[in-house]
């Protein structure tokens, strides 16, 4: 129990920022009209590309296992989001192509 308390005290700022980011993201996304979701997903590909690069840098400088694990999870989730964004964007652009 003491180790868990020590962990939370050591990383309390990061935990607070993550929780605040989750609430802020939910609040922002919930007020976006449905018409704008696909163009915003295209824009988020660039943002998640930066997240992937940052996570790789964190993993390269990691001395403990926790930053290494968090960086790996960030790379996986960021990659999934980028690929999903490109798939949705491609499907959206297909709707505007002329049919043969």
C-alpha atoms as a PDB file:
ATOM      1  CA  UNK A   1       0.000   0.000   0.000  1.00  0.00           C
ATOM      2  CA  UNK A   2       2.864   2.320   0.779  1.00  0.00           C
ATOM      3  CA  UNK A   3       4.348   1.794  -2.704  1.00  0.00           C
ATOM      4  CA  UNK A   4       1.059   2.782  -4.357  1.00  0.00           C
ATOM      5  CA  UNK A   5       0.856   5.946  -2.262  1.00  0.00           C
ATOM      6  CA  UNK A   6       4.465   6.768  -3.115  1.00  0.00           C
ATOM      7  CA  UNK A   7       3.711   6.239  -6.821  1.00  0.00           C
ATOM      8  CA  UNK A   8       0.718   8.613  -6.747  1.00  0.00           C
ATOM      9  CA  UNK A   9       2.652  11.253  -4.847  1.00  0.00           C
ATOM     10  CA  UNK A  10       5.529  11.037  -7.309  1.00  0.00           C
ATOM     11  CA  UNK A  11       3.349  11.266 -10.414  1.00  0.00           C
ATOM     12  CA  UNK A  12       0.443  13.354  -9.065  1.00  0.00           C
ATOM     13  CA  UNK A  13       1.013  16.214 -11.537  1.00  0.00           C
ATOM     14  CA  UNK A  14       0.964  13.876 -14.541  1.00  0.00           C
ATOM     15  CA  UNK A  15      -2.115  12.051 -13.247  1.00  0.00           C
ATOM     16  CA  UNK A  16      -3.910  15.384 -12.724  1.00  0.00           C
ATOM     17  CA  UNK A  17      -3.052  16.534 -16.256  1.00  0.00           C
ATOM     18  CA  UNK A  18      -4.278  13.255 -17.769  1.00  0.00           C
ATOM     19  CA  UNK A  19      -7.590  13.413 -15.882  1.00  0.00           C
ATOM     20  CA  UNK A  20      -8.055  17.075 -16.804  1.00  0.00           C
ATOM     21  CA  UNK A  21      -7.276  16.289 -20.467  1.00  0.00           C
ATOM     22  CA  UNK A  22      -9.882  13.520 -20.517  1.00  0.00           C
ATOM     23  CA  UNK A  23     -12.609  15.802 -19.179  1.00  0.00           C
ATOM     24  CA  UNK A  24     -11.600  18.646 -21.496  1.00  0.00           C
ATOM     25  CA  UNK A  25     -11.568  16.343 -24.534  1.00  0.00           C
ATOM     26  CA  UNK A  26     -15.004  14.948 -23.732  1.00  0.00           C
ATOM     27  CA  UNK A  27     -16.389  18.456 -23.250  1.00  0.00           C
ATOM     28  CA  UNK A  28     -14.941  19.768 -26.519  1.00  0.00           C
ATOM     29  CA  UNK A  29     -15.957  16.768 -28.646  1.00  0.00           C
ATOM     30  CA  UNK A  30     -19.487  16.622 -27.244  1.00  0.00           C
ATOM     31  CA  UNK A  31     -20.188  20.156 -28.510  1.00  0.00           C
ATOM     32  CA  UNK A  32     -18.967  19.566 -32.080  1.00  0.00           C
ATOM     33  CA  UNK A  33     -21.760  19.122 -34.660  1.00  0.00           C
ATOM     34  CA  UNK A  34     -21.859  15.726 -36.390  1.00  0.00           C
ATOM     35  CA  UNK A  35     -21.149  17.358 -39.775  1.00  0.00           C
ATOM     36  CA  UNK A  36     -17.708  18.442 -38.586  1.00  0.00           C
ATOM     37  CA  UNK A  37     -16.528  15.147 -37.070  1.00  0.00           C
ATOM     38  CA  UNK A  38     -14.955  13.768 -40.262  1.00  0.00           C
ATOM     39  CA  UNK A  39     -12.957  16.922 -41.148  1.00  0.00           C
ATOM     40  CA  UNK A  40     -11.806  17.145 -37.535  1.00  0.00           C
ATOM     41  CA  UNK A  41     -10.662  13.533 -37.668  1.00  0.00           C
ATOM     42  CA  UNK A  42      -8.534  14.380 -40.689  1.00  0.00           C
ATOM     43  CA  UNK A  43      -6.949  17.200 -38.716  1.00  0.00           C
ATOM     44  CA  UNK A  44      -6.362  14.984 -35.708  1.00  0.00           C
ATOM     45  CA  UNK A  45      -4.145  12.726 -37.825  1.00  0.00           C
ATOM     46  CA  UNK A  46      -1.450  15.392 -37.769  1.00  0.00           C
ATOM     47  CA  UNK A  47      -1.819  15.848 -34.017  1.00  0.00           C
ATOM     48  CA  UNK A  48      -1.525  12.123 -33.368  1.00  0.00           C
ATOM     49  CA  UNK A  49       1.499  11.972 -35.625  1.00  0.00           C
ATOM     50  CA  UNK A  50       3.140  14.386 -33.180  1.00  0.00           C
ATOM     51  CA  UNK A  51       1.962  12.210 -30.268  1.00  0.00           C
ATOM     52  CA  UNK A  52       3.582   9.168 -31.870  1.00  0.00           C
ATOM     53  CA  UNK A  53       6.901  10.994 -32.347  1.00  0.00           C
ATOM     54  CA  UNK A  54       6.778  12.295 -28.756  1.00  0.00           C
ATOM     55  CA  UNK A  55       6.030   8.828 -27.408  1.00  0.00           C
ATOM     56  CA  UNK A  56       8.952   7.368 -29.339  1.00  0.00           C
ATOM     57  CA  UNK A  57      11.231  10.060 -27.895  1.00  0.00           C
ATOM     58  CA  UNK A  58       9.967   9.315 -24.366  1.00  0.00           C
ATOM     59  CA  UNK A  59      10.588   5.619 -24.907  1.00  0.00           C
ATOM     60  CA  UNK A  60      14.112   6.352 -26.113  1.00  0.00           C
ATOM     61  CA  UNK A  61      14.956   8.271 -22.941  1.00  0.00           C
ATOM     62  CA  UNK A  62      13.109   5.962 -20.537  1.00  0.00           C
ATOM     63  CA  UNK A  63      15.128   4.663 -17.633  1.00  0.00           C
ATOM     64  CA  UNK A  64      12.215   3.079 -15.742  1.00  0.00           C
ATOM     65  CA  UNK A  65       9.616   0.634 -16.968  1.00  0.00           C
ATOM     66  CA  UNK A  66       6.618   2.954 -16.393  1.00  0.00           C
ATOM     67  CA  UNK A  67       7.616   5.585 -19.001  1.00  0.00           C
ATOM     68  CA  UNK A  68       8.512   2.769 -21.386  1.00  0.00           C
ATOM     69  CA  UNK A  69       5.107   1.111 -20.980  1.00  0.00           C
ATOM     70  CA  UNK A  70       3.217   4.423 -21.245  1.00  0.00           C
ATOM     71  CA  UNK A  71       5.207   5.380 -24.332  1.00  0.00           C
ATOM     72  CA  UNK A  72       4.480   2.027 -25.952  1.00  0.00           C
ATOM     73  CA  UNK A  73       0.758   2.373 -25.224  1.00  0.00           C
ATOM     74  CA  UNK A  74       0.820   5.925 -26.644  1.00  0.00           C
ATOM     75  CA  UNK A  75       2.495   4.705 -29.841  1.00  0.00           C
ATOM     76  CA  UNK A  76      -0.080   1.927 -30.285  1.00  0.00           C
ATOM     77  CA  UNK A  77      -3.119   4.144 -29.601  1.00  0.00           C
ATOM     78  CA  UNK A  78      -1.775   7.036 -31.674  1.00  0.00           C
ATOM     79  CA  UNK A  79      -1.097   4.710 -34.600  1.00  0.00           C
ATOM     80  CA  UNK A  80      -4.595   3.249 -34.386  1.00  0.00           C
ATOM     81  CA  UNK A  81      -6.077   6.730 -34.391  1.00  0.00           C
ATOM     82  CA  UNK A  82      -4.010   7.872 -37.372  1.00  0.00           C
ATOM     83  CA  UNK A  83      -4.901   4.794 -39.432  1.00  0.00           C
ATOM     84  CA  UNK A  84      -8.574   5.065 -38.467  1.00  0.00           C
ATOM     85  CA  UNK A  85      -8.587   8.738 -39.388  1.00  0.00           C
ATOM     86  CA  UNK A  86      -7.153   8.031 -42.821  1.00  0.00           C
ATOM     87  CA  UNK A  87      -9.694   5.253 -43.423  1.00  0.00           C
ATOM     88  CA  UNK A  88     -12.610   7.518 -42.470  1.00  0.00           C
ATOM     89  CA  UNK A  89     -11.228  10.383 -44.566  1.00  0.00           C
ATOM     90  CA  UNK A  90     -10.837   8.078 -47.565  1.00  0.00           C
ATOM     91  CA  UNK A  91     -14.431   6.891 -47.205  1.00  0.00           C
ATOM     92  CA  UNK A  92     -15.624  10.479 -46.959  1.00  0.00           C
ATOM     93  CA  UNK A  93     -13.730  11.509 -50.087  1.00  0.00           C
ATOM     94  CA  UNK A  94     -15.148   8.506 -51.975  1.00  0.00           C
ATOM     95  CA  UNK A  95     -18.620   9.993 -51.577  1.00  0.00           C
ATOM     96  CA  UNK A  96     -17.563  13.002 -53.657  1.00  0.00           C
ATOM     97  CA  UNK A  97     -16.015  11.051 -56.545  1.00  0.00           C
ATOM     98  CA  UNK A  98     -17.911  10.665 -59.788  1.00  0.00           C
ATOM     99  CA  UNK A  99     -19.510   7.276 -60.226  1.00  0.00           C
ATOM    100  CA  UNK A 100     -18.658   5.312 -63.366  1.00  0.00           C
END
